[in-house]
PDB file of N, CA and C in Angstrom:
ATOM      1  N   UNK A   1     139.635-117.607  18.559  1.00  0.00           N
ATOM      2  CA  UNK A   1     139.405-118.520  17.515  1.00  0.00           C
ATOM      3  C   UNK A   1     138.728-119.876  17.850  1.00  0.00           C
ATOM      4  N   UNK A   2     138.012-120.437  17.349  1.00  0.00           N
ATOM      5  CA  UNK A   2     137.025-121.681  17.821  1.00  0.00           C
ATOM      6  C   UNK A   2     137.247-122.620  16.656  1.00  0.00           C
ATOM      7  N   UNK A   3     137.720-124.051  16.819  1.00  0.00           N
ATOM      8  CA  UNK A   3     137.010-124.892  15.467  1.00  0.00           C
ATOM      9  C   UNK A   3     135.752-125.323  15.060  1.00  0.00           C
ATOM     10  N   UNK A   4     135.759-125.034  14.109  1.00  0.00           N
ATOM     11  CA  UNK A   4     133.951-125.335  13.951  1.00  0.00           C
ATOM     12  C   UNK A   4     133.797-126.868  13.420  1.00  0.00           C
ATOM     13  N   UNK A   5     134.921-127.084  12.468  1.00  0.00           N
ATOM     14  CA  UNK A   5     134.160-128.871  12.333  1.00  0.00           C
ATOM     15  C   UNK A   5     135.391-129.259  11.701  1.00  0.00           C
ATOM     16  N   UNK A   6     135.353-131.006  11.462  1.00  0.00           N
ATOM     17  CA  UNK A   6     136.535-131.666  11.264  1.00  0.00           C
ATOM     18  C   UNK A   6     135.835-132.746  10.428  1.00  0.00           C
ATOM     19  N   UNK A   7     136.412-133.390   9.059  1.00  0.00           N
ATOM     20  CA  UNK A   7     135.869-134.011   8.016  1.00  0.00           C
ATOM     21  C   UNK A   7     136.787-135.071   8.743  1.00  0.00           C
ATOM     22  N   UNK A   8     136.265-136.837   8.728  1.00  0.00           N
ATOM     23  CA  UNK A   8     136.648-137.837   9.013  1.00  0.00           C
ATOM     24  C   UNK A   8     136.435-138.632   7.699  1.00  0.00           C
ATOM     25  N   UNK A   9     137.248-139.005   6.977  1.00  0.00           N
ATOM     26  CA  UNK A   9     136.849-139.889   5.810  1.00  0.00           C
ATOM     27  C   UNK A   9     136.872-141.138   6.255  1.00  0.00           C
ATOM     28  N   UNK A  10     136.110-142.221   6.273  1.00  0.00           N
ATOM     29  CA  UNK A  10     136.067-143.297   6.331  1.00  0.00           C
ATOM     30  C   UNK A  10     135.616-144.304   5.331  1.00  0.00           C
ATOM     31  N   UNK A  11     135.446-145.606   5.462  1.00  0.00           N
ATOM     32  CA  UNK A  11     135.005-146.486   4.576  1.00  0.00           C
ATOM     33  C   UNK A  11     133.308-146.938   5.108  1.00  0.00           C
ATOM     34  N   UNK A  12     133.190-146.608   5.765  1.00  0.00           N
ATOM     35  CA  UNK A  12     131.625-147.456   6.241  1.00  0.00           C
ATOM     36  C   UNK A  12     131.239-145.951   6.826  1.00  0.00           C
ATOM     37  N   UNK A  13     130.641-145.211   6.276  1.00  0.00           N
ATOM     38  CA  UNK A  13     129.540-143.902   7.513  1.00  0.00           C
ATOM     39  C   UNK A  13     128.760-144.300   8.404  1.00  0.00           C
ATOM     40  N   UNK A  14     127.744-145.286   7.579  1.00  0.00           N
ATOM     41  CA  UNK A  14     126.632-145.894   8.908  1.00  0.00           C
ATOM     42  C   UNK A  14     127.283-146.377  10.022  1.00  0.00           C
ATOM     43  N   UNK A  15     128.478-147.389   9.696  1.00  0.00           N
ATOM     44  CA  UNK A  15     128.751-147.844  10.931  1.00  0.00           C
ATOM     45  C   UNK A  15     129.177-147.266  11.901  1.00  0.00           C
ATOM     46  N   UNK A  16     130.076-146.125  11.416  1.00  0.00           N
ATOM     47  CA  UNK A  16     130.598-145.046  12.108  1.00  0.00           C
ATOM     48  C   UNK A  16     130.382-144.162  12.799  1.00  0.00           C
ATOM     49  N   UNK A  17     128.866-143.955  12.039  1.00  0.00           N
ATOM     50  CA  UNK A  17     128.173-143.024  12.921  1.00  0.00           C
ATOM     51  C   UNK A  17     127.343-143.901  14.037  1.00  0.00           C
ATOM     52  N   UNK A  18     127.086-145.142  13.591  1.00  0.00           N
ATOM     53  CA  UNK A  18     126.308-145.809  14.837  1.00  0.00           C
ATOM     54  C   UNK A  18     127.531-145.755  16.026  1.00  0.00           C
ATOM     55  N   UNK A  19     128.836-146.325  15.959  1.00  0.00           N
ATOM     56  CA  UNK A  19     129.814-146.332  16.712  1.00  0.00           C
ATOM     57  C   UNK A  19     129.849-145.112  17.550  1.00  0.00           C
ATOM     58  N   UNK A  20     130.279-143.769  17.231  1.00  0.00           N
ATOM     59  CA  UNK A  20     129.971-142.559  17.782  1.00  0.00           C
ATOM     60  C   UNK A  20     128.854-141.896  18.440  1.00  0.00           C
ATOM     61  N   UNK A  21     127.740-142.139  17.874  1.00  0.00           N
ATOM     62  CA  UNK A  21     126.330-142.446  18.987  1.00  0.00           C
ATOM     63  C   UNK A  21     126.355-143.190  19.696  1.00  0.00           C
ATOM     64  N   UNK A  22     126.496-144.184  19.957  1.00  0.00           N
ATOM     65  CA  UNK A  22     126.595-145.627  20.892  1.00  0.00           C
ATOM     66  C   UNK A  22     127.365-144.990  21.962  1.00  0.00           C
ATOM     67  N   UNK A  23     128.764-144.807  21.552  1.00  0.00           N
ATOM     68  CA  UNK A  23     129.667-144.927  22.547  1.00  0.00           C
ATOM     69  C   UNK A  23     129.990-143.164  23.329  1.00  0.00           C
ATOM     70  N   UNK A  24     130.216-142.811  21.890  1.00  0.00           N
ATOM     71  CA  UNK A  24     130.880-141.003  22.637  1.00  0.00           C
ATOM     72  C   UNK A  24     129.657-140.177  22.521  1.00  0.00           C
ATOM     73  N   UNK A  25     128.385-140.319  22.016  1.00  0.00           N
ATOM     74  CA  UNK A  25     127.245-139.535  22.425  1.00  0.00           C
ATOM     75  C   UNK A  25     126.746-138.312  21.182  1.00  0.00           C
ATOM     76  N   UNK A  26     127.518-138.859  20.551  1.00  0.00           N
ATOM     77  CA  UNK A  26     127.245-137.777  19.071  1.00  0.00           C
ATOM     78  C   UNK A  26     125.934-138.016  18.143  1.00  0.00           C
ATOM     79  N   UNK A  27     125.289-136.936  17.722  1.00  0.00           N
ATOM     80  CA  UNK A  27     124.191-137.171  17.095  1.00  0.00           C
ATOM     81  C   UNK A  27     124.183-136.527  16.063  1.00  0.00           C
ATOM     82  N   UNK A  28     123.256-137.589  14.932  1.00  0.00           N
ATOM     83  CA  UNK A  28     123.300-137.105  13.250  1.00  0.00           C
ATOM     84  C   UNK A  28     122.050-135.878  13.145  1.00  0.00           C
ATOM     85  N   UNK A  29     122.923-135.218  12.808  1.00  0.00           N
ATOM     86  CA  UNK A  29     122.030-133.787  12.039  1.00  0.00           C
ATOM     87  C   UNK A  29     121.512-134.246  10.682  1.00  0.00           C
ATOM     88  N   UNK A  30     122.589-134.955   9.826  1.00  0.00           N
ATOM     89  CA  UNK A  30     121.590-134.946   8.360  1.00  0.00           C
ATOM     90  C   UNK A  30     122.840-135.961   7.598  1.00  0.00           C
ATOM     91  N   UNK A  31     122.400-136.433   6.735  1.00  0.00           N
ATOM     92  CA  UNK A  31     123.207-137.561   5.908  1.00  0.00           C
ATOM     93  C   UNK A  31     123.060-137.240   4.772  1.00  0.00           C
ATOM     94  N   UNK A  32     123.368-138.083   3.935  1.00  0.00           N
ATOM     95  CA  UNK A  32     123.407-138.258   2.303  1.00  0.00           C
ATOM     96  C   UNK A  32     123.489-139.640   2.066  1.00  0.00           C
ATOM     97  N   UNK A  33     122.541-140.976   2.224  1.00  0.00           N
ATOM     98  CA  UNK A  33     123.229-142.295   1.735  1.00  0.00           C
ATOM     99  C   UNK A  33     123.708-142.699   2.942  1.00  0.00           C
ATOM    100  N   UNK A  34     124.330-143.497   2.266  1.00  0.00           N
ATOM    101  CA  UNK A  34     125.495-144.255   2.672  1.00  0.00           C
ATOM    102  C   UNK A  34     127.174-143.813   2.380  1.00  0.00           C
ATOM    103  N   UNK A  35     127.384-142.140   1.857  1.00  0.00           N
ATOM    104  CA  UNK A  35     128.207-141.806   1.600  1.00  0.00           C
ATOM    105  C   UNK A  35     128.963-140.480   2.447  1.00  0.00           C
ATOM    106  N   UNK A  36     127.649-140.003   3.368  1.00  0.00           N
ATOM    107  CA  UNK A  36     127.846-138.865   3.988  1.00  0.00           C
ATOM    108  C   UNK A  36     127.223-138.369   5.061  1.00  0.00           C
ATOM    109  N   UNK A  37     127.840-137.900   6.230  1.00  0.00           N
ATOM    110  CA  UNK A  37     126.567-137.753   7.645  1.00  0.00           C
ATOM    111  C   UNK A  37     127.701-136.539   8.644  1.00  0.00           C
ATOM    112  N   UNK A  38     126.468-135.982   8.915  1.00  0.00           N
ATOM    113  CA  UNK A  38     127.136-134.852   9.598  1.00  0.00           C
ATOM    114  C   UNK A  38     126.649-134.914  10.885  1.00  0.00           C
ATOM    115  N   UNK A  39     127.709-135.113  11.792  1.00  0.00           N
ATOM    116  CA  UNK A  39     127.149-135.135  13.556  1.00  0.00           C
ATOM    117  C   UNK A  39     127.895-133.972  14.428  1.00  0.00           C
ATOM    118  N   UNK A  40     127.017-134.029  15.396  1.00  0.00           N
ATOM    119  CA  UNK A  40     127.274-133.030  16.504  1.00  0.00           C
ATOM    120  C   UNK A  40     127.713-133.249  17.652  1.00  0.00           C
ATOM    121  N   UNK A  41     128.420-133.036  18.156  1.00  0.00           N
ATOM    122  CA  UNK A  41     128.624-132.941  19.977  1.00  0.00           C
ATOM    123  C   UNK A  41     127.992-131.801  20.884  1.00  0.00           C
ATOM    124  N   UNK A  42     127.663-132.070  22.154  1.00  0.00           N
ATOM    125  CA  UNK A  42     126.979-131.274  22.896  1.00  0.00           C
ATOM    126  C   UNK A  42     127.754-130.030  22.769  1.00  0.00           C
ATOM    127  N   UNK A  43     128.541-129.465  22.286  1.00  0.00           N
ATOM    128  CA  UNK A  43     128.986-128.525  22.139  1.00  0.00           C
ATOM    129  C   UNK A  43     128.792-127.538  21.286  1.00  0.00           C
ATOM    130  N   UNK A  44     128.355-128.285  20.047  1.00  0.00           N
ATOM    131  CA  UNK A  44     128.021-127.981  18.795  1.00  0.00           C
ATOM    132  C   UNK A  44     129.040-128.207  17.561  1.00  0.00           C
ATOM    133  N   UNK A  45     130.328-128.927  18.116  1.00  0.00           N
ATOM    134  CA  UNK A  45     131.251-128.903  17.446  1.00  0.00           C
ATOM    135  C   UNK A  45     130.825-130.045  16.173  1.00  0.00           C
ATOM    136  N   UNK A  46     130.876-129.726  14.893  1.00  0.00           N
ATOM    137  CA  UNK A  46     130.627-130.356  13.241  1.00  0.00           C
ATOM    138  C   UNK A  46     131.502-131.895  13.450  1.00  0.00           C
ATOM    139  N   UNK A  47     131.376-133.012  13.221  1.00  0.00           N
ATOM    140  CA  UNK A  47     132.193-133.677  12.823  1.00  0.00           C
ATOM    141  C   UNK A  47     131.560-134.521  11.527  1.00  0.00           C
ATOM    142  N   UNK A  48     132.155-134.347  10.061  1.00  0.00           N
ATOM    143  CA  UNK A  48     131.275-134.810   9.319  1.00  0.00           C
ATOM    144  C   UNK A  48     132.044-136.084   8.833  1.00  0.00           C
ATOM    145  N   UNK A  49     131.556-137.268   8.434  1.00  0.00           N
ATOM    146  CA  UNK A  49     132.051-138.628   8.400  1.00  0.00           C
ATOM    147  C   UNK A  49     132.266-138.330   6.181  1.00  0.00           C
ATOM    148  N   UNK A  50     132.998-139.031   5.868  1.00  0.00           N
ATOM    149  CA  UNK A  50     132.694-138.855   4.308  1.00  0.00           C
ATOM    150  C   UNK A  50     132.928-140.138   4.060  1.00  0.00           C
ATOM    151  N   UNK A  51     132.490-140.881   2.957  1.00  0.00           N
ATOM    152  CA  UNK A  51     132.930-142.332   2.497  1.00  0.00           C
ATOM    153  C   UNK A  51     133.908-142.267   1.468  1.00  0.00           C
ATOM    154  N   UNK A  52     134.942-142.805   1.751  1.00  0.00           N
ATOM    155  CA  UNK A  52     136.668-143.168   1.301  1.00  0.00           C
ATOM    156  C   UNK A  52     136.703-144.641   0.965  1.00  0.00           C
ATOM    157  N   UNK A  53     137.216-144.831  -0.086  1.00  0.00           N
ATOM    158  CA  UNK A  53     137.661-146.307  -0.548  1.00  0.00           C
ATOM    159  C   UNK A  53     139.068-147.150   0.580  1.00  0.00           C
ATOM    160  N   UNK A  54     140.046-146.346   0.160  1.00  0.00           N
ATOM    161  CA  UNK A  54     141.454-146.882   1.028  1.00  0.00           C
ATOM    162  C   UNK A  54     141.738-145.983   1.909  1.00  0.00           C
ATOM    163  N   UNK A  55     141.121-145.912   2.873  1.00  0.00           N
ATOM    164  CA  UNK A  55     141.463-145.349   4.202  1.00  0.00           C
ATOM    165  C   UNK A  55     142.981-145.189   5.221  1.00  0.00           C
ATOM    166  N   UNK A  56     143.613-144.400   5.151  1.00  0.00           N
ATOM    167  CA  UNK A  56     144.982-145.118   5.577  1.00  0.00           C
ATOM    168  C   UNK A  56     145.092-143.959   7.232  1.00  0.00           C
ATOM    169  N   UNK A  57     144.957-144.115   7.971  1.00  0.00           N
ATOM    170  CA  UNK A  57     145.601-143.052   9.094  1.00  0.00           C
ATOM    171  C   UNK A  57     146.611-143.304   9.441  1.00  0.00           C
ATOM    172  N   UNK A  58     147.618-142.033   9.742  1.00  0.00           N
ATOM    173  CA  UNK A  58     149.004-142.358  10.546  1.00  0.00           C
ATOM    174  C   UNK A  58     148.493-142.685  11.942  1.00  0.00           C
ATOM    175  N   UNK A  59     149.931-143.484  12.220  1.00  0.00           N
ATOM    176  CA  UNK A  59     149.798-144.058  13.481  1.00  0.00           C
ATOM    177  C   UNK A  59     149.357-143.414  14.693  1.00  0.00           C
ATOM    178  N   UNK A  60     149.675-141.835  14.728  1.00  0.00           N
ATOM    179  CA  UNK A  60     149.891-141.009  15.595  1.00  0.00           C
ATOM    180  C   UNK A  60     148.313-140.040  15.819  1.00  0.00           C
ATOM    181  N   UNK A  61     148.031-140.376  14.791  1.00  0.00           N
ATOM    182  CA  UNK A  61     146.372-139.531  14.480  1.00  0.00           C
ATOM    183  C   UNK A  61     145.270-140.140  15.701  1.00  0.00           C
ATOM    184  N   UNK A  62     144.992-139.214  16.143  1.00  0.00           N
ATOM    185  CA  UNK A  62     143.627-139.666  17.131  1.00  0.00           C
ATOM    186  C   UNK A  62     142.669-138.559  17.429  1.00  0.00           C
ATOM    187  N   UNK A  63     141.368-138.399  17.682  1.00  0.00           N
ATOM    188  CA  UNK A  63     140.601-137.692  18.342  1.00  0.00           C
ATOM    189  C   UNK A  63     140.390-138.136  19.778  1.00  0.00           C
ATOM    190  N   UNK A  64     140.086-137.124  20.490  1.00  0.00           N
ATOM    191  CA  UNK A  64     139.846-136.825  21.655  1.00  0.00           C
ATOM    192  C   UNK A  64     138.421-136.484  22.160  1.00  0.00           C
ATOM    193  N   UNK A  65     137.993-137.011  23.207  1.00  0.00           N
ATOM    194  CA  UNK A  65     136.998-136.884  23.833  1.00  0.00           C
ATOM    195  C   UNK A  65     137.207-136.244  25.228  1.00  0.00           C
ATOM    196  N   UNK A  66     136.582-135.167  25.965  1.00  0.00           N
ATOM    197  CA  UNK A  66     136.999-135.284  26.946  1.00  0.00           C
ATOM    198  C   UNK A  66     135.645-135.232  27.897  1.00  0.00           C
ATOM    199  N   UNK A  67     136.200-135.654  29.316  1.00  0.00           N
ATOM    200  CA  UNK A  67     135.048-135.925  29.910  1.00  0.00           C
ATOM    201  C   UNK A  67     134.867-135.149  31.217  1.00  0.00           C
ATOM    202  N   UNK A  68     133.879-134.788  32.029  1.00  0.00           N
ATOM    203  CA  UNK A  68     133.569-134.074  33.409  1.00  0.00           C
ATOM    204  C   UNK A  68     134.275-134.740  34.603  1.00  0.00           C
ATOM    205  N   UNK A  69     135.016-135.961  34.518  1.00  0.00           N
ATOM    206  CA  UNK A  69     135.040-136.485  35.535  1.00  0.00           C
ATOM    207  C   UNK A  69     135.778-137.960  35.376  1.00  0.00           C
ATOM    208  N   UNK A  70     136.288-138.208  35.938  1.00  0.00           N
ATOM    209  CA  UNK A  70     136.952-139.824  36.615  1.00  0.00           C
ATOM    210  C   UNK A  70     136.082-141.008  36.058  1.00  0.00           C
ATOM    211  N   UNK A  71     135.169-140.519  36.757  1.00  0.00           N
ATOM    212  CA  UNK A  71     133.507-141.099  36.482  1.00  0.00           C
ATOM    213  C   UNK A  71     133.189-141.435  35.266  1.00  0.00           C
ATOM    214  N   UNK A  72     133.310-140.299  34.499  1.00  0.00           N
ATOM    215  CA  UNK A  72     132.810-140.902  32.894  1.00  0.00           C
ATOM    216  C   UNK A  72     133.298-141.407  32.253  1.00  0.00           C
ATOM    217  N   UNK A  73     134.609-141.344  32.711  1.00  0.00           N
ATOM    218  CA  UNK A  73     135.624-141.891  31.525  1.00  0.00           C
ATOM    219  C   UNK A  73     135.632-143.398  32.051  1.00  0.00           C
ATOM    220  N   UNK A  74     135.299-143.948  33.143  1.00  0.00           N
ATOM    221  CA  UNK A  74     135.316-145.074  33.479  1.00  0.00           C
ATOM    222  C   UNK A  74     133.793-145.725  33.305  1.00  0.00           C
ATOM    223  N   UNK A  75     132.761-144.704  32.986  1.00  0.00           N
ATOM    224  CA  UNK A  75     131.996-145.481  32.219  1.00  0.00           C
ATOM    225  C   UNK A  75     131.780-145.752  30.727  1.00  0.00           C
ATOM    226  N   UNK A  76     132.379-144.789  30.286  1.00  0.00           N
ATOM    227  CA  UNK A  76     132.694-145.379  28.800  1.00  0.00           C
ATOM    228  C   UNK A  76     133.710-146.255  28.874  1.00  0.00           C
ATOM    229  N   UNK A  77     134.754-146.173  29.452  1.00  0.00           N
ATOM    230  CA  UNK A  77     135.084-147.351  29.444  1.00  0.00           C
ATOM    231  C   UNK A  77     134.760-148.682  29.245  1.00  0.00           C
ATOM    232  N   UNK A  78     133.660-148.945  30.409  1.00  0.00           N
ATOM    233  CA  UNK A  78     133.133-149.983  30.632  1.00  0.00           C
ATOM    234  C   UNK A  78     131.875-150.411  29.793  1.00  0.00           C
ATOM    235  N   UNK A  79     131.502-149.523  29.344  1.00  0.00           N
ATOM    236  CA  UNK A  79     130.364-149.724  27.968  1.00  0.00           C
ATOM    237  C   UNK A  79     131.064-150.679  26.655  1.00  0.00           C
ATOM    238  N   UNK A  80     132.507-149.649  26.365  1.00  0.00           N
ATOM    239  CA  UNK A  80     133.080-150.193  25.265  1.00  0.00           C
ATOM    240  C   UNK A  80     133.551-151.710  25.964  1.00  0.00           C
ATOM    241  N   UNK A  81     133.890-152.186  26.452  1.00  0.00           N
ATOM    242  CA  UNK A  81     134.587-153.104  27.194  1.00  0.00           C
ATOM    243  C   UNK A  81     133.021-154.508  27.133  1.00  0.00           C
ATOM    244  N   UNK A  82     131.790-153.836  27.236  1.00  0.00           N
ATOM    245  CA  UNK A  82     130.611-154.685  27.327  1.00  0.00           C
ATOM    246  C   UNK A  82     130.342-154.658  25.953  1.00  0.00           C
ATOM    247  N   UNK A  83     130.865-154.036  24.760  1.00  0.00           N
ATOM    248  CA  UNK A  83     130.297-153.661  23.622  1.00  0.00           C
ATOM    249  C   UNK A  83     131.201-154.498  22.771  1.00  0.00           C
ATOM    250  N   UNK A  84     132.520-155.246  23.609  1.00  0.00           N
ATOM    251  CA  UNK A  84     133.260-156.271  23.043  1.00  0.00           C
ATOM    252  C   UNK A  84     134.800-155.537  22.551  1.00  0.00           C
ATOM    253  N   UNK A  85     134.695-154.246  22.912  1.00  0.00           N
ATOM    254  CA  UNK A  85     136.107-153.291  22.721  1.00  0.00           C
ATOM    255  C   UNK A  85     137.264-154.043  23.650  1.00  0.00           C
ATOM    256  N   UNK A  86     138.375-154.039  22.959  1.00  0.00           N
ATOM    257  CA  UNK A  86     139.762-154.071  23.909  1.00  0.00           C
ATOM    258  C   UNK A  86     140.085-153.317  23.842  1.00  0.00           C
ATOM    259  N   UNK A  87     139.876-153.057  25.472  1.00  0.00           N
ATOM    260  CA  UNK A  87     140.187-151.562  26.132  1.00  0.00           C
ATOM    261  C   UNK A  87     140.772-151.721  27.429  1.00  0.00           C
ATOM    262  N   UNK A  88     142.202-150.895  27.565  1.00  0.00           N
ATOM    263  CA  UNK A  88     142.794-151.258  28.645  1.00  0.00           C
ATOM    264  C   UNK A  88     142.338-150.408  29.656  1.00  0.00           C
ATOM    265  N   UNK A  89     141.893-150.508  31.103  1.00  0.00           N
ATOM    266  CA  UNK A  89     141.633-149.824  31.842  1.00  0.00           C
ATOM    267  C   UNK A  89     141.969-148.665  31.612  1.00  0.00           C
ATOM    268  N   UNK A  90     141.367-147.125  32.001  1.00  0.00           N
ATOM    269  CA  UNK A  90     142.073-146.055  32.400  1.00  0.00           C
ATOM    270  C   UNK A  90     142.963-145.696  33.679  1.00  0.00           C
ATOM    271  N   UNK A  91     144.263-144.965  32.936  1.00  0.00           N
ATOM    272  CA  UNK A  91     145.027-144.887  34.038  1.00  0.00           C
ATOM    273  C   UNK A  91     145.627-143.545  33.841  1.00  0.00           C
ATOM    274  N   UNK A  92     146.591-142.620  34.802  1.00  0.00           N
ATOM    275  CA  UNK A  92     146.671-141.720  35.361  1.00  0.00           C
ATOM    276  C   UNK A  92     148.462-141.216  34.363  1.00  0.00           C
ATOM    277  N   UNK A  93     148.039-141.010  33.010  1.00  0.00           N
ATOM    278  CA  UNK A  93     149.256-140.652  32.274  1.00  0.00           C
ATOM    279  C   UNK A  93     149.893-139.338  32.359  1.00  0.00           C
ATOM    280  N   UNK A  94     149.208-138.804  31.253  1.00  0.00           N
ATOM    281  CA  UNK A  94     149.193-136.797  31.255  1.00  0.00           C
ATOM    282  C   UNK A  94     147.939-136.190  31.843  1.00  0.00           C
ATOM    283  N   UNK A  95     146.892-137.123  31.863  1.00  0.00           N
ATOM    284  CA  UNK A  95     145.676-137.028  32.538  1.00  0.00           C
ATOM    285  C   UNK A  95     145.271-138.575  32.345  1.00  0.00           C
ATOM    286  N   UNK A  96     144.029-138.481  33.343  1.00  0.00           N
ATOM    287  CA  UNK A  96     143.186-140.149  33.338  1.00  0.00           C
ATOM    288  C   UNK A  96     142.723-140.300  31.954  1.00  0.00           C
ATOM    289  N   UNK A  97     143.142-140.894  31.430  1.00  0.00           N
ATOM    290  CA  UNK A  97     142.675-141.323  30.361  1.00  0.00           C
ATOM    291  C   UNK A  97     143.084-142.912  29.680  1.00  0.00           C
ATOM    292  N   UNK A  98     142.627-143.438  28.312  1.00  0.00           N
ATOM    293  CA  UNK A  98     142.250-144.775  27.910  1.00  0.00           C
ATOM    294  C   UNK A  98     142.151-144.432  26.598  1.00  0.00           C
ATOM    295  N   UNK A  99     142.918-145.171  25.795  1.00  0.00           N
ATOM    296  CA  UNK A  99     142.585-145.015  23.867  1.00  0.00           C
ATOM    297  C   UNK A  99     142.133-146.388  23.457  1.00  0.00           C
ATOM    298  N   UNK A 100     141.374-146.443  22.840  1.00  0.00           N
ATOM    299  CA  UNK A 100     140.330-147.624  21.919  1.00  0.00           C
ATOM    300  C   UNK A 100     140.066-147.231  20.458  1.00  0.00           C
ATOM    301  N   UNK A 101     140.990-148.195  19.831  1.00  0.00           N
ATOM    302  CA  UNK A 101     140.701-147.988  18.071  1.00  0.00           C
ATOM    303  C   UNK A 101     139.263-148.260  17.666  1.00  0.00           C
ATOM    304  N   UNK A 102     138.955-147.661  16.828  1.00  0.00           N
ATOM    305  CA  UNK A 102     137.665-147.160  16.561  1.00  0.00           C
ATOM    306  C   UNK A 102     137.347-148.849  15.113  1.00  0.00           C
ATOM    307  N   UNK A 103     136.196-149.103  15.293  1.00  0.00           N
ATOM    308  CA  UNK A 103     136.105-149.807  14.078  1.00  0.00           C
ATOM    309  C   UNK A 103     136.540-149.655  12.522  1.00  0.00           C
ATOM    310  N   UNK A 104     136.880-148.065  12.450  1.00  0.00           N
ATOM    311  CA  UNK A 104     137.543-147.853  10.877  1.00  0.00           C
ATOM    312  C   UNK A 104     139.122-148.000  11.276  1.00  0.00           C
ATOM    313  N   UNK A 105     139.498-147.578  12.051  1.00  0.00           N
ATOM    314  CA  UNK A 105     141.331-148.043  12.768  1.00  0.00           C
ATOM    315  C   UNK A 105     141.674-146.775  13.053  1.00  0.00           C
ATOM    316  N   UNK A 106     140.884-145.958  13.333  1.00  0.00           N
ATOM    317  CA  UNK A 106     141.682-144.658  13.948  1.00  0.00           C
ATOM    318  C   UNK A 106     141.255-144.526  15.494  1.00  0.00           C
ATOM    319  N   UNK A 107     141.967-143.840  16.231  1.00  0.00           N
ATOM    320  CA  UNK A 107     142.547-143.958  17.496  1.00  0.00           C
ATOM    321  C   UNK A 107     141.682-143.029  18.047  1.00  0.00           C
ATOM    322  N   UNK A 108     140.892-143.612  19.543  1.00  0.00           N
ATOM    323  CA  UNK A 108     140.239-142.387  20.121  1.00  0.00           C
ATOM    324  C   UNK A 108     140.840-142.407  21.595  1.00  0.00           C
ATOM    325  N   UNK A 109     141.084-141.498  21.889  1.00  0.00           N
ATOM    326  CA  UNK A 109     141.388-140.840  23.604  1.00  0.00           C
ATOM    327  C   UNK A 109     140.083-140.624  24.371  1.00  0.00           C
ATOM    328  N   UNK A 110     139.805-141.045  25.840  1.00  0.00           N
ATOM    329  CA  UNK A 110     139.061-140.371  26.083  1.00  0.00           C
ATOM    330  C   UNK A 110     139.608-140.020  27.510  1.00  0.00           C
ATOM    331  N   UNK A 111     138.953-139.199  27.961  1.00  0.00           N
ATOM    332  CA  UNK A 111     140.421-138.309  29.256  1.00  0.00           C
ATOM    333  C   UNK A 111     139.475-137.639  30.144  1.00  0.00           C
ATOM    334  N   UNK A 112     140.335-137.161  31.275  1.00  0.00           N
ATOM    335  CA  UNK A 112     139.379-136.451  32.405  1.00  0.00           C
ATOM    336  C   UNK A 112     140.917-135.678  32.855  1.00  0.00           C
TER     337      UNK A 112
END
């Protein structure tokens, strides 16, 4: 069985779409105004963004982006730093990884 899609409820769909395109390589396949967007990764996983008003993610909620090597993890970390995000350098924990909080408040893990 393979997971097909995940829906994230966010307060600002266009800003979240731009963030995910800029730093994580997702592409928008379609959108409906400012309330809905369908995004794809390079493995055809579908991430939909849907507008909500008061969105609160549990503290442990996060999404993960797997990379092909440590160099790719480092590149994303550097791009986020250059973009003004407060990110710690990657380190070896359960794997080579770092976390960043998205502008919408959900946590993202980048790892190899």
